[in-house]
PDB file of N, CA and C in Angstrom:
ATOM      1  N   UNK A   1     -21.785 -49.866  -5.539  1.00  0.00           N
ATOM      2  CA  UNK A   1     -21.910 -48.491  -5.985  1.00  0.00           C
ATOM      3  C   UNK A   1     -23.104 -48.377  -6.921  1.00  0.00           C
ATOM      4  N   UNK A   2     -23.842 -47.317  -6.741  1.00  0.00           N
ATOM      5  CA  UNK A   2     -24.971 -47.083  -7.624  1.00  0.00           C
ATOM      6  C   UNK A   2     -24.819 -45.720  -8.267  1.00  0.00           C
ATOM      7  N   UNK A   3     -25.447 -45.582  -9.386  1.00  0.00           N
ATOM      8  CA  UNK A   3     -25.404 -44.299 -10.084  1.00  0.00           C
ATOM      9  C   UNK A   3     -26.725 -43.602  -9.824  1.00  0.00           C
ATOM     10  N   UNK A   4     -26.703 -42.579  -8.964  1.00  0.00           N
ATOM     11  CA  UNK A   4     -27.882 -41.776  -8.708  1.00  0.00           C
ATOM     12  C   UNK A   4     -28.050 -40.756  -9.807  1.00  0.00           C
ATOM     13  N   UNK A   5     -29.164 -40.033  -9.792  1.00  0.00           N
ATOM     14  CA  UNK A   5     -29.412 -39.071 -10.864  1.00  0.00           C
ATOM     15  C   UNK A   5     -28.353 -37.972 -10.896  1.00  0.00           C
ATOM     16  N   UNK A   6     -27.862 -37.530  -9.724  1.00  0.00           N
ATOM     17  CA  UNK A   6     -26.815 -36.495  -9.702  1.00  0.00           C
ATOM     18  C   UNK A   6     -25.508 -37.046 -10.259  1.00  0.00           C
ATOM     19  N   UNK A   7     -25.149 -38.277  -9.878  1.00  0.00           N
ATOM     20  CA  UNK A   7     -23.935 -38.894 -10.415  1.00  0.00           C
ATOM     21  C   UNK A   7     -24.056 -39.105 -11.917  1.00  0.00           C
ATOM     22  N   UNK A   8     -25.228 -39.534 -12.365  1.00  0.00           N
ATOM     23  CA  UNK A   8     -25.440 -39.740 -13.794  1.00  0.00           C
ATOM     24  C   UNK A   8     -25.253 -38.422 -14.546  1.00  0.00           C
ATOM     25  N   UNK A   9     -25.802 -37.354 -14.006  1.00  0.00           N
ATOM     26  CA  UNK A   9     -25.659 -36.040 -14.628  1.00  0.00           C
ATOM     27  C   UNK A   9     -24.185 -35.641 -14.700  1.00  0.00           C
ATOM     28  N   UNK A  10     -23.447 -35.837 -13.609  1.00  0.00           N
ATOM     29  CA  UNK A  10     -22.030 -35.493 -13.590  1.00  0.00           C
ATOM     30  C   UNK A  10     -21.248 -36.337 -14.586  1.00  0.00           C
ATOM     31  N   UNK A  11     -21.564 -37.617 -14.690  1.00  0.00           N
ATOM     32  CA  UNK A  11     -20.840 -38.484 -15.611  1.00  0.00           C
ATOM     33  C   UNK A  11     -21.162 -38.140 -17.061  1.00  0.00           C
ATOM     34  N   UNK A  12     -22.394 -37.764 -17.342  1.00  0.00           N
ATOM     35  CA  UNK A  12     -22.744 -37.328 -18.695  1.00  0.00           C
ATOM     36  C   UNK A  12     -21.979 -36.051 -19.033  1.00  0.00           C
ATOM     37  N   UNK A  13     -21.874 -35.139 -18.060  1.00  0.00           N
ATOM     38  CA  UNK A  13     -21.103 -33.912 -18.288  1.00  0.00           C
ATOM     39  C   UNK A  13     -19.636 -34.228 -18.527  1.00  0.00           C
ATOM     40  N   UNK A  14     -19.098 -35.223 -17.824  1.00  0.00           N
ATOM     41  CA  UNK A  14     -17.713 -35.620 -18.037  1.00  0.00           C
ATOM     42  C   UNK A  14     -17.528 -36.160 -19.450  1.00  0.00           C
ATOM     43  N   UNK A  15     -18.456 -36.991 -19.917  1.00  0.00           N
ATOM     44  CA  UNK A  15     -18.379 -37.512 -21.285  1.00  0.00           C
ATOM     45  C   UNK A  15     -18.443 -36.350 -22.269  1.00  0.00           C
ATOM     46  N   UNK A  16     -19.306 -35.381 -22.007  1.00  0.00           N
ATOM     47  CA  UNK A  16     -19.399 -34.197 -22.875  1.00  0.00           C
ATOM     48  C   UNK A  16     -18.085 -33.427 -22.883  1.00  0.00           C
ATOM     49  N   UNK A  17     -17.498 -33.238 -21.682  1.00  0.00           N
ATOM     50  CA  UNK A  17     -16.223 -32.529 -21.592  1.00  0.00           C
ATOM     51  C   UNK A  17     -15.140 -33.257 -22.374  1.00  0.00           C
ATOM     52  N   UNK A  18     -15.106 -34.576 -22.262  1.00  0.00           N
ATOM     53  CA  UNK A  18     -14.099 -35.355 -22.977  1.00  0.00           C
ATOM     54  C   UNK A  18     -14.317 -35.251 -24.485  1.00  0.00           C
ATOM     55  N   UNK A  19     -15.561 -35.271 -24.909  1.00  0.00           N
ATOM     56  CA  UNK A  19     -15.860 -35.147 -26.335  1.00  0.00           C
ATOM     57  C   UNK A  19     -15.465 -33.760 -26.839  1.00  0.00           C
ATOM     58  N   UNK A  20     -15.667 -32.736 -26.017  1.00  0.00           N
ATOM     59  CA  UNK A  20     -15.280 -31.377 -26.393  1.00  0.00           C
ATOM     60  C   UNK A  20     -13.771 -31.287 -26.558  1.00  0.00           C
ATOM     61  N   UNK A  21     -13.039 -31.883 -25.636  1.00  0.00           N
ATOM     62  CA  UNK A  21     -11.584 -31.876 -25.726  1.00  0.00           C
ATOM     63  C   UNK A  21     -11.133 -32.597 -26.992  1.00  0.00           C
ATOM     64  N   UNK A  22     -11.831 -33.664 -27.344  1.00  0.00           N
ATOM     65  CA  UNK A  22     -11.490 -34.431 -28.532  1.00  0.00           C
ATOM     66  C   UNK A  22     -11.923 -33.718 -29.811  1.00  0.00           C
ATOM     67  N   UNK A  23     -12.718 -32.662 -29.690  1.00  0.00           N
ATOM     68  CA  UNK A  23     -13.127 -31.887 -30.851  1.00  0.00           C
ATOM     69  C   UNK A  23     -14.407 -32.375 -31.490  1.00  0.00           C
ATOM     70  N   UNK A  24     -15.107 -33.265 -30.866  1.00  0.00           N
ATOM     71  CA  UNK A  24     -16.358 -33.795 -31.405  1.00  0.00           C
ATOM     72  C   UNK A  24     -17.537 -33.264 -30.601  1.00  0.00           C
ATOM     73  N   UNK A  25     -18.689 -33.230 -31.238  1.00  0.00           N
ATOM     74  CA  UNK A  25     -19.907 -32.940 -30.500  1.00  0.00           C
ATOM     75  C   UNK A  25     -20.292 -34.187 -29.717  1.00  0.00           C
ATOM     76  N   UNK A  26     -21.267 -34.066 -28.849  1.00  0.00           N
ATOM     77  CA  UNK A  26     -21.674 -35.234 -28.076  1.00  0.00           C
ATOM     78  C   UNK A  26     -23.178 -35.401 -28.182  1.00  0.00           C
ATOM     79  N   UNK A  27     -23.592 -36.604 -28.427  1.00  0.00           N
ATOM     80  CA  UNK A  27     -24.998 -36.962 -28.473  1.00  0.00           C
ATOM     81  C   UNK A  27     -25.388 -37.402 -27.067  1.00  0.00           C
ATOM     82  N   UNK A  28     -26.354 -36.720 -26.462  1.00  0.00           N
ATOM     83  CA  UNK A  28     -26.740 -36.994 -25.081  1.00  0.00           C
ATOM     84  C   UNK A  28     -27.249 -38.424 -24.918  1.00  0.00           C
ATOM     85  N   UNK A  29     -27.968 -38.938 -25.895  1.00  0.00           N
ATOM     86  CA  UNK A  29     -28.466 -40.315 -25.806  1.00  0.00           C
ATOM     87  C   UNK A  29     -27.316 -41.312 -25.784  1.00  0.00           C
ATOM     88  N   UNK A  30     -26.339 -41.097 -26.638  1.00  0.00           N
ATOM     89  CA  UNK A  30     -25.178 -41.986 -26.670  1.00  0.00           C
ATOM     90  C   UNK A  30     -24.384 -41.847 -25.377  1.00  0.00           C
ATOM     91  N   UNK A  31     -24.206 -40.610 -24.921  1.00  0.00           N
ATOM     92  CA  UNK A  31     -23.475 -40.385 -23.669  1.00  0.00           C
ATOM     93  C   UNK A  31     -24.176 -41.080 -22.514  1.00  0.00           C
ATOM     94  N   UNK A  32     -25.491 -41.023 -22.485  1.00  0.00           N
ATOM     95  CA  UNK A  32     -26.254 -41.682 -21.424  1.00  0.00           C
ATOM     96  C   UNK A  32     -26.061 -43.193 -21.470  1.00  0.00           C
ATOM     97  N   UNK A  33     -26.074 -43.761 -22.672  1.00  0.00           N
ATOM     98  CA  UNK A  33     -25.855 -45.202 -22.819  1.00  0.00           C
ATOM     99  C   UNK A  33     -24.448 -45.597 -22.387  1.00  0.00           C
ATOM    100  N   UNK A  34     -23.459 -44.775 -22.743  1.00  0.00           N
ATOM    101  CA  UNK A  34     -22.074 -45.047 -22.343  1.00  0.00           C
ATOM    102  C   UNK A  34     -21.961 -45.023 -20.824  1.00  0.00           C
ATOM    103  N   UNK A  35     -22.556 -44.013 -20.202  1.00  0.00           N
ATOM    104  CA  UNK A  35     -22.495 -43.899 -18.745  1.00  0.00           C
ATOM    105  C   UNK A  35     -23.183 -45.087 -18.082  1.00  0.00           C
ATOM    106  N   UNK A  36     -24.331 -45.500 -18.602  1.00  0.00           N
ATOM    107  CA  UNK A  36     -25.033 -46.655 -18.034  1.00  0.00           C
ATOM    108  C   UNK A  36     -24.193 -47.916 -18.173  1.00  0.00           C
ATOM    109  N   UNK A  37     -23.582 -48.097 -19.317  1.00  0.00           N
ATOM    110  CA  UNK A  37     -22.733 -49.280 -19.532  1.00  0.00           C
ATOM    111  C   UNK A  37     -21.524 -49.258 -18.609  1.00  0.00           C
ATOM    112  N   UNK A  38     -20.898 -48.097 -18.478  1.00  0.00           N
ATOM    113  CA  UNK A  38     -19.756 -47.979 -17.573  1.00  0.00           C
ATOM    114  C   UNK A  38     -20.168 -48.240 -16.130  1.00  0.00           C
ATOM    115  N   UNK A  39     -21.360 -47.790 -15.758  1.00  0.00           N
ATOM    116  CA  UNK A  39     -21.874 -48.071 -14.413  1.00  0.00           C
ATOM    117  C   UNK A  39     -22.047 -49.564 -14.187  1.00  0.00           C
ATOM    118  N   UNK A  40     -22.552 -50.267 -15.193  1.00  0.00           N
ATOM    119  CA  UNK A  40     -22.692 -51.721 -15.097  1.00  0.00           C
ATOM    120  C   UNK A  40     -21.344 -52.412 -14.990  1.00  0.00           C
ATOM    121  N   UNK A  41     -20.390 -51.951 -15.773  1.00  0.00           N
ATOM    122  CA  UNK A  41     -19.042 -52.518 -15.698  1.00  0.00           C
ATOM    123  C   UNK A  41     -18.411 -52.256 -14.336  1.00  0.00           C
ATOM    124  N   UNK A  42     -18.672 -51.078 -13.788  1.00  0.00           N
ATOM    125  CA  UNK A  42     -18.142 -50.748 -12.454  1.00  0.00           C
ATOM    126  C   UNK A  42     -18.700 -51.705 -11.405  1.00  0.00           C
ATOM    127  N   UNK A  43     -19.996 -51.964 -11.474  1.00  0.00           N
ATOM    128  CA  UNK A  43     -20.619 -52.893 -10.517  1.00  0.00           C
ATOM    129  C   UNK A  43     -20.018 -54.290 -10.640  1.00  0.00           C
ATOM    130  N   UNK A  44     -19.820 -54.752 -11.869  1.00  0.00           N
ATOM    131  CA  UNK A  44     -19.208 -56.070 -12.066  1.00  0.00           C
ATOM    132  C   UNK A  44     -17.775 -56.093 -11.557  1.00  0.00           C
ATOM    133  N   UNK A  45     -17.041 -55.035 -11.803  1.00  0.00           N
ATOM    134  CA  UNK A  45     -15.658 -54.953 -11.351  1.00  0.00           C
ATOM    135  C   UNK A  45     -15.588 -55.060  -9.831  1.00  0.00           C
ATOM    136  N   UNK A  46     -16.492 -54.353  -9.137  1.00  0.00           N
ATOM    137  CA  UNK A  46     -16.515 -54.389  -7.680  1.00  0.00           C
ATOM    138  C   UNK A  46     -16.809 -55.804  -7.178  1.00  0.00           C
ATOM    139  N   UNK A  47     -17.652 -56.514  -7.887  1.00  0.00           N
ATOM    140  CA  UNK A  47     -17.948 -57.892  -7.486  1.00  0.00           C
ATOM    141  C   UNK A  47     -16.718 -58.788  -7.582  1.00  0.00           C
ATOM    142  N   UNK A  48     -15.932 -58.604  -8.612  1.00  0.00           N
ATOM    143  CA  UNK A  48     -14.761 -59.451  -8.829  1.00  0.00           C
ATOM    144  C   UNK A  48     -13.529 -58.995  -8.050  1.00  0.00           C
ATOM    145  N   UNK A  49     -13.405 -57.693  -7.817  1.00  0.00           N
ATOM    146  CA  UNK A  49     -12.203 -57.158  -7.178  1.00  0.00           C
ATOM    147  C   UNK A  49     -12.535 -56.194  -6.034  1.00  0.00           C
ATOM    148  N   UNK A  50     -13.300 -56.624  -5.041  1.00  0.00           N
ATOM    149  CA  UNK A  50     -13.712 -55.693  -3.980  1.00  0.00           C
ATOM    150  C   UNK A  50     -12.549 -55.166  -3.151  1.00  0.00           C
ATOM    151  N   UNK A  51     -11.488 -55.938  -3.020  1.00  0.00           N
ATOM    152  CA  UNK A  51     -10.373 -55.529  -2.161  1.00  0.00           C
ATOM    153  C   UNK A  51      -9.519 -54.427  -2.764  1.00  0.00           C
ATOM    154  N   UNK A  52      -9.585 -54.231  -4.082  1.00  0.00           N
ATOM    155  CA  UNK A  52      -8.727 -53.201  -4.675  1.00  0.00           C
ATOM    156  C   UNK A  52      -9.479 -51.979  -5.176  1.00  0.00           C
ATOM    157  N   UNK A  53     -10.802 -51.991  -5.082  1.00  0.00           N
ATOM    158  CA  UNK A  53     -11.573 -50.884  -5.648  1.00  0.00           C
ATOM    159  C   UNK A  53     -11.225 -49.549  -5.000  1.00  0.00           C
ATOM    160  N   UNK A  54     -11.035 -49.504  -3.684  1.00  0.00           N
ATOM    161  CA  UNK A  54     -10.713 -48.245  -3.027  1.00  0.00           C
ATOM    162  C   UNK A  54      -9.372 -47.704  -3.501  1.00  0.00           C
ATOM    163  N   UNK A  55      -8.362 -48.553  -3.626  1.00  0.00           N
ATOM    164  CA  UNK A  55      -7.050 -48.104  -4.096  1.00  0.00           C
ATOM    165  C   UNK A  55      -7.127 -47.563  -5.515  1.00  0.00           C
ATOM    166  N   UNK A  56      -7.891 -48.230  -6.356  1.00  0.00           N
ATOM    167  CA  UNK A  56      -8.022 -47.783  -7.740  1.00  0.00           C
ATOM    168  C   UNK A  56      -8.718 -46.429  -7.788  1.00  0.00           C
ATOM    169  N   UNK A  57      -9.789 -46.284  -7.025  1.00  0.00           N
ATOM    170  CA  UNK A  57     -10.487 -45.002  -7.023  1.00  0.00           C
ATOM    171  C   UNK A  57      -9.604 -43.893  -6.472  1.00  0.00           C
ATOM    172  N   UNK A  58      -8.836 -44.189  -5.426  1.00  0.00           N
ATOM    173  CA  UNK A  58      -7.904 -43.190  -4.895  1.00  0.00           C
ATOM    174  C   UNK A  58      -6.870 -42.809  -5.947  1.00  0.00           C
ATOM    175  N   UNK A  59      -6.380 -43.792  -6.669  1.00  0.00           N
ATOM    176  CA  UNK A  59      -5.377 -43.539  -7.701  1.00  0.00           C
ATOM    177  C   UNK A  59      -5.946 -42.662  -8.804  1.00  0.00           C
ATOM    178  N   UNK A  60      -7.158 -42.935  -9.210  1.00  0.00           N
ATOM    179  CA  UNK A  60      -7.776 -42.169 -10.284  1.00  0.00           C
ATOM    180  C   UNK A  60      -8.137 -40.762  -9.827  1.00  0.00           C
ATOM    181  N   UNK A  61      -8.710 -40.654  -8.642  1.00  0.00           N
ATOM    182  CA  UNK A  61      -9.185 -39.359  -8.170  1.00  0.00           C
ATOM    183  C   UNK A  61      -8.072 -38.438  -7.715  1.00  0.00           C
ATOM    184  N   UNK A  62      -7.146 -38.955  -6.920  1.00  0.00           N
ATOM    185  CA  UNK A  62      -6.146 -38.068  -6.349  1.00  0.00           C
ATOM    186  C   UNK A  62      -4.847 -38.814  -6.081  1.00  0.00           C
ATOM    187  N   UNK A  63      -3.914 -38.678  -6.980  1.00  0.00           N
ATOM    188  CA  UNK A  63      -2.628 -39.352  -6.843  1.00  0.00           C
ATOM    189  C   UNK A  63      -1.732 -38.696  -5.793  1.00  0.00           C
ATOM    190  N   UNK A  64      -2.162 -37.569  -5.263  1.00  0.00           N
ATOM    191  CA  UNK A  64      -1.362 -36.884  -4.244  1.00  0.00           C
ATOM    192  C   UNK A  64      -1.520 -37.512  -2.862  1.00  0.00           C
ATOM    193  N   UNK A  65      -2.572 -38.289  -2.649  1.00  0.00           N
ATOM    194  CA  UNK A  65      -2.782 -38.901  -1.336  1.00  0.00           C
ATOM    195  C   UNK A  65      -2.494 -40.393  -1.322  1.00  0.00           C
ATOM    196  N   UNK A  66      -2.355 -40.975  -2.471  1.00  0.00           N
ATOM    197  CA  UNK A  66      -2.102 -42.411  -2.559  1.00  0.00           C
ATOM    198  C   UNK A  66      -0.664 -42.719  -2.155  1.00  0.00           C
ATOM    199  N   UNK A  67      -0.455 -43.675  -1.233  1.00  0.00           N
ATOM    200  CA  UNK A  67       0.916 -44.037  -0.857  1.00  0.00           C
ATOM    201  C   UNK A  67       1.705 -44.557  -2.055  1.00  0.00           C
ATOM    202  N   UNK A  68       2.930 -44.102  -2.195  1.00  0.00           N
ATOM    203  CA  UNK A  68       3.774 -44.479  -3.330  1.00  0.00           C
ATOM    204  C   UNK A  68       3.960 -45.992  -3.403  1.00  0.00           C
ATOM    205  N   UNK A  69       4.024 -46.642  -2.262  1.00  0.00           N
ATOM    206  CA  UNK A  69       4.229 -48.094  -2.266  1.00  0.00           C
ATOM    207  C   UNK A  69       3.033 -48.865  -2.828  1.00  0.00           C
ATOM    208  N   UNK A  70       1.891 -48.202  -2.998  1.00  0.00           N
ATOM    209  CA  UNK A  70       0.702 -48.867  -3.540  1.00  0.00           C
ATOM    210  C   UNK A  70       0.591 -48.785  -5.058  1.00  0.00           C
ATOM    211  N   UNK A  71       1.575 -48.195  -5.724  1.00  0.00           N
ATOM    212  CA  UNK A  71       1.510 -48.081  -7.179  1.00  0.00           C
ATOM    213  C   UNK A  71       2.556 -48.982  -7.827  1.00  0.00           C
ATOM    214  N   UNK A  72       2.359 -49.248  -9.087  1.00  0.00           N
ATOM    215  CA  UNK A  72       3.286 -50.096  -9.840  1.00  0.00           C
ATOM    216  C   UNK A  72       4.663 -49.439  -9.904  1.00  0.00           C
ATOM    217  N   UNK A  73       5.701 -50.254  -9.993  1.00  0.00           N
ATOM    218  CA  UNK A  73       7.074 -49.751 -10.023  1.00  0.00           C
ATOM    219  C   UNK A  73       7.303 -48.741 -11.150  1.00  0.00           C
ATOM    220  N   UNK A  74       6.682 -48.979 -12.305  1.00  0.00           N
ATOM    221  CA  UNK A  74       6.887 -48.081 -13.446  1.00  0.00           C
ATOM    222  C   UNK A  74       6.313 -46.686 -13.208  1.00  0.00           C
ATOM    223  N   UNK A  75       5.446 -46.535 -12.198  1.00  0.00           N
ATOM    224  CA  UNK A  75       4.825 -45.249 -11.912  1.00  0.00           C
ATOM    225  C   UNK A  75       5.490 -44.504 -10.761  1.00  0.00           C
ATOM    226  N   UNK A  76       6.269 -45.180  -9.948  1.00  0.00           N
ATOM    227  CA  UNK A  76       6.769 -44.581  -8.704  1.00  0.00           C
ATOM    228  C   UNK A  76       7.588 -43.315  -8.932  1.00  0.00           C
ATOM    229  N   UNK A  77       8.563 -43.356  -9.828  1.00  0.00           N
ATOM    230  CA  UNK A  77       9.409 -42.177 -10.054  1.00  0.00           C
ATOM    231  C   UNK A  77       8.594 -40.984 -10.538  1.00  0.00           C
ATOM    232  N   UNK A  78       7.683 -41.234 -11.473  1.00  0.00           N
ATOM    233  CA  UNK A  78       6.859 -40.142 -11.994  1.00  0.00           C
ATOM    234  C   UNK A  78       5.932 -39.601 -10.914  1.00  0.00           C
ATOM    235  N   UNK A  79       5.377 -40.486 -10.093  1.00  0.00           N
ATOM    236  CA  UNK A  79       4.483 -40.049  -9.032  1.00  0.00           C
ATOM    237  C   UNK A  79       5.225 -39.184  -8.015  1.00  0.00           C
ATOM    238  N   UNK A  80       6.421 -39.602  -7.645  1.00  0.00           N
ATOM    239  CA  UNK A  80       7.233 -38.810  -6.714  1.00  0.00           C
ATOM    240  C   UNK A  80       7.561 -37.450  -7.323  1.00  0.00           C
ATOM    241  N   UNK A  81       7.937 -37.435  -8.596  1.00  0.00           N
ATOM    242  CA  UNK A  81       8.255 -36.181  -9.277  1.00  0.00           C
ATOM    243  C   UNK A  81       7.026 -35.274  -9.355  1.00  0.00           C
ATOM    244  N   UNK A  82       5.885 -35.859  -9.693  1.00  0.00           N
ATOM    245  CA  UNK A  82       4.636 -35.099  -9.777  1.00  0.00           C
ATOM    246  C   UNK A  82       4.314 -34.444  -8.442  1.00  0.00           C
ATOM    247  N   UNK A  83       4.457 -35.184  -7.364  1.00  0.00           N
ATOM    248  CA  UNK A  83       4.144 -34.659  -6.031  1.00  0.00           C
ATOM    249  C   UNK A  83       5.115 -33.565  -5.594  1.00  0.00           C
ATOM    250  N   UNK A  84       6.359 -33.672  -6.010  1.00  0.00           N
ATOM    251  CA  UNK A  84       7.377 -32.723  -5.549  1.00  0.00           C
ATOM    252  C   UNK A  84       7.516 -31.495  -6.442  1.00  0.00           C
ATOM    253  N   UNK A  85       6.968 -31.558  -7.638  1.00  0.00           N
ATOM    254  CA  UNK A  85       7.094 -30.431  -8.557  1.00  0.00           C
ATOM    255  C   UNK A  85       6.225 -29.267  -8.078  1.00  0.00           C
ATOM    256  N   UNK A  86       6.825 -28.119  -8.053  1.00  0.00           N
ATOM    257  CA  UNK A  86       6.156 -26.922  -7.553  1.00  0.00           C
ATOM    258  C   UNK A  86       4.897 -26.607  -8.362  1.00  0.00           C
ATOM    259  N   UNK A  87       3.808 -26.417  -7.678  1.00  0.00           N
ATOM    260  CA  UNK A  87       2.572 -25.965  -8.312  1.00  0.00           C
ATOM    261  C   UNK A  87       1.633 -27.047  -8.814  1.00  0.00           C
ATOM    262  N   UNK A  88       2.083 -28.293  -8.913  1.00  0.00           N
ATOM    263  CA  UNK A  88       1.189 -29.303  -9.484  1.00  0.00           C
ATOM    264  C   UNK A  88      -0.005 -29.593  -8.569  1.00  0.00           C
ATOM    265  N   UNK A  89       0.222 -29.653  -7.269  1.00  0.00           N
ATOM    266  CA  UNK A  89      -0.899 -29.921  -6.368  1.00  0.00           C
ATOM    267  C   UNK A  89      -1.894 -28.766  -6.398  1.00  0.00           C
ATOM    268  N   UNK A  90      -1.390 -27.542  -6.445  1.00  0.00           N
ATOM    269  CA  UNK A  90      -2.276 -26.379  -6.534  1.00  0.00           C
ATOM    270  C   UNK A  90      -3.114 -26.448  -7.813  1.00  0.00           C
ATOM    271  N   UNK A  91      -2.469 -26.753  -8.938  1.00  0.00           N
ATOM    272  CA  UNK A  91      -3.204 -26.863 -10.210  1.00  0.00           C
ATOM    273  C   UNK A  91      -4.228 -27.996 -10.141  1.00  0.00           C
ATOM    274  N   UNK A  92      -3.877 -29.094  -9.465  1.00  0.00           N
ATOM    275  CA  UNK A  92      -4.803 -30.208  -9.304  1.00  0.00           C
ATOM    276  C   UNK A  92      -6.042 -29.760  -8.529  1.00  0.00           C
ATOM    277  N   UNK A  93      -5.824 -28.982  -7.472  1.00  0.00           N
ATOM    278  CA  UNK A  93      -6.924 -28.556  -6.611  1.00  0.00           C
ATOM    279  C   UNK A  93      -7.775 -27.450  -7.219  1.00  0.00           C
ATOM    280  N   UNK A  94      -7.242 -26.704  -8.158  1.00  0.00           N
ATOM    281  CA  UNK A  94      -7.966 -25.553  -8.715  1.00  0.00           C
ATOM    282  C   UNK A  94      -8.526 -25.783 -10.114  1.00  0.00           C
ATOM    283  N   UNK A  95      -8.236 -26.931 -10.721  1.00  0.00           N
ATOM    284  CA  UNK A  95      -8.753 -27.246 -12.057  1.00  0.00           C
ATOM    285  C   UNK A  95      -9.687 -28.439 -11.985  1.00  0.00           C
ATOM    286  N   UNK A  96     -10.495 -28.616 -13.021  1.00  0.00           N
ATOM    287  CA  UNK A  96     -11.264 -29.851 -13.142  1.00  0.00           C
ATOM    288  C   UNK A  96     -10.282 -31.000 -13.284  1.00  0.00           C
ATOM    289  N   UNK A  97     -10.646 -32.146 -12.749  1.00  0.00           N
ATOM    290  CA  UNK A  97      -9.732 -33.290 -12.742  1.00  0.00           C
ATOM    291  C   UNK A  97      -9.308 -33.678 -14.162  1.00  0.00           C
ATOM    292  N   UNK A  98     -10.259 -33.673 -15.105  1.00  0.00           N
ATOM    293  CA  UNK A  98      -9.893 -34.060 -16.479  1.00  0.00           C
ATOM    294  C   UNK A  98      -8.980 -33.026 -17.127  1.00  0.00           C
ATOM    295  N   UNK A  99      -9.191 -31.731 -16.826  1.00  0.00           N
ATOM    296  CA  UNK A  99      -8.315 -30.690 -17.365  1.00  0.00           C
ATOM    297  C   UNK A  99      -6.896 -30.833 -16.826  1.00  0.00           C
ATOM    298  N   UNK A 100      -6.790 -31.093 -15.533  1.00  0.00           N
ATOM    299  CA  UNK A 100      -5.470 -31.248 -14.924  1.00  0.00           C
ATOM    300  C   UNK A 100      -4.708 -32.400 -15.564  1.00  0.00           C
ATOM    301  N   UNK A 101      -5.343 -33.575 -15.666  1.00  0.00           N
ATOM    302  CA  UNK A 101      -4.636 -34.744 -16.192  1.00  0.00           C
ATOM    303  C   UNK A 101      -4.321 -34.597 -17.675  1.00  0.00           C
ATOM    304  N   UNK A 102      -5.154 -33.884 -18.411  1.00  0.00           N
ATOM    305  CA  UNK A 102      -4.823 -33.624 -19.813  1.00  0.00           C
ATOM    306  C   UNK A 102      -3.569 -32.758 -19.931  1.00  0.00           C
ATOM    307  N   UNK A 103      -3.424 -31.808 -19.013  1.00  0.00           N
ATOM    308  CA  UNK A 103      -2.266 -30.916 -19.049  1.00  0.00           C
ATOM    309  C   UNK A 103      -0.971 -31.619 -18.678  1.00  0.00           C
ATOM    310  N   UNK A 104      -1.024 -32.584 -17.761  1.00  0.00           N
ATOM    311  CA  UNK A 104       0.213 -33.211 -17.286  1.00  0.00           C
ATOM    312  C   UNK A 104       0.475 -34.588 -17.904  1.00  0.00           C
ATOM    313  N   UNK A 105      -0.433 -35.071 -18.722  1.00  0.00           N
ATOM    314  CA  UNK A 105      -0.283 -36.430 -19.264  1.00  0.00           C
ATOM    315  C   UNK A 105       0.945 -36.603 -20.163  1.00  0.00           C
ATOM    316  N   UNK A 106       1.367 -35.535 -20.841  1.00  0.00           N
ATOM    317  CA  UNK A 106       2.575 -35.650 -21.668  1.00  0.00           C
ATOM    318  C   UNK A 106       3.836 -35.758 -20.817  1.00  0.00           C
ATOM    319  N   UNK A 107       3.851 -35.047 -19.698  1.00  0.00           N
ATOM    320  CA  UNK A 107       5.011 -35.050 -18.820  1.00  0.00           C
ATOM    321  C   UNK A 107       5.056 -36.323 -17.961  1.00  0.00           C
ATOM    322  N   UNK A 108       3.874 -36.790 -17.565  1.00  0.00           N
ATOM    323  CA  UNK A 108       3.778 -37.966 -16.694  1.00  0.00           C
ATOM    324  C   UNK A 108       2.887 -39.031 -17.351  1.00  0.00           C
ATOM    325  N   UNK A 109       3.337 -39.660 -18.422  1.00  0.00           N
ATOM    326  CA  UNK A 109       2.474 -40.599 -19.141  1.00  0.00           C
ATOM    327  C   UNK A 109       2.146 -41.878 -18.364  1.00  0.00           C
ATOM    328  N   UNK A 110       2.971 -42.265 -17.426  1.00  0.00           N
ATOM    329  CA  UNK A 110       2.709 -43.496 -16.665  1.00  0.00           C
ATOM    330  C   UNK A 110       1.856 -43.279 -15.431  1.00  0.00           C
ATOM    331  N   UNK A 111       1.742 -42.025 -15.006  1.00  0.00           N
ATOM    332  CA  UNK A 111       0.965 -41.735 -13.810  1.00  0.00           C
ATOM    333  C   UNK A 111      -0.475 -41.580 -14.210  1.00  0.00           C
TER     334      UNK A 111
END
């Protein structure tokens, strides 16, 4: 995986969004360094764990499509509940991913 200029821009915006949620301002230079470091860590992770990278990315991006049997036992009940609860998938599809997970993290801390 490589970080192209568009991906870098999106990741910097994500860091900014997270900093805004946390109530802090964000320094673009620091955010850029964090994103570059995370990109390097991602590349190293893929080298060491190539067989699980797709499952991890699926889990992070969209827990609604990940098979329940592919998650840890401590997450299964919450994942099933999250999928079956009315409106959660709609909220997932209509909100930014970080906004959605911030809203449901108290109810589903293990997912």
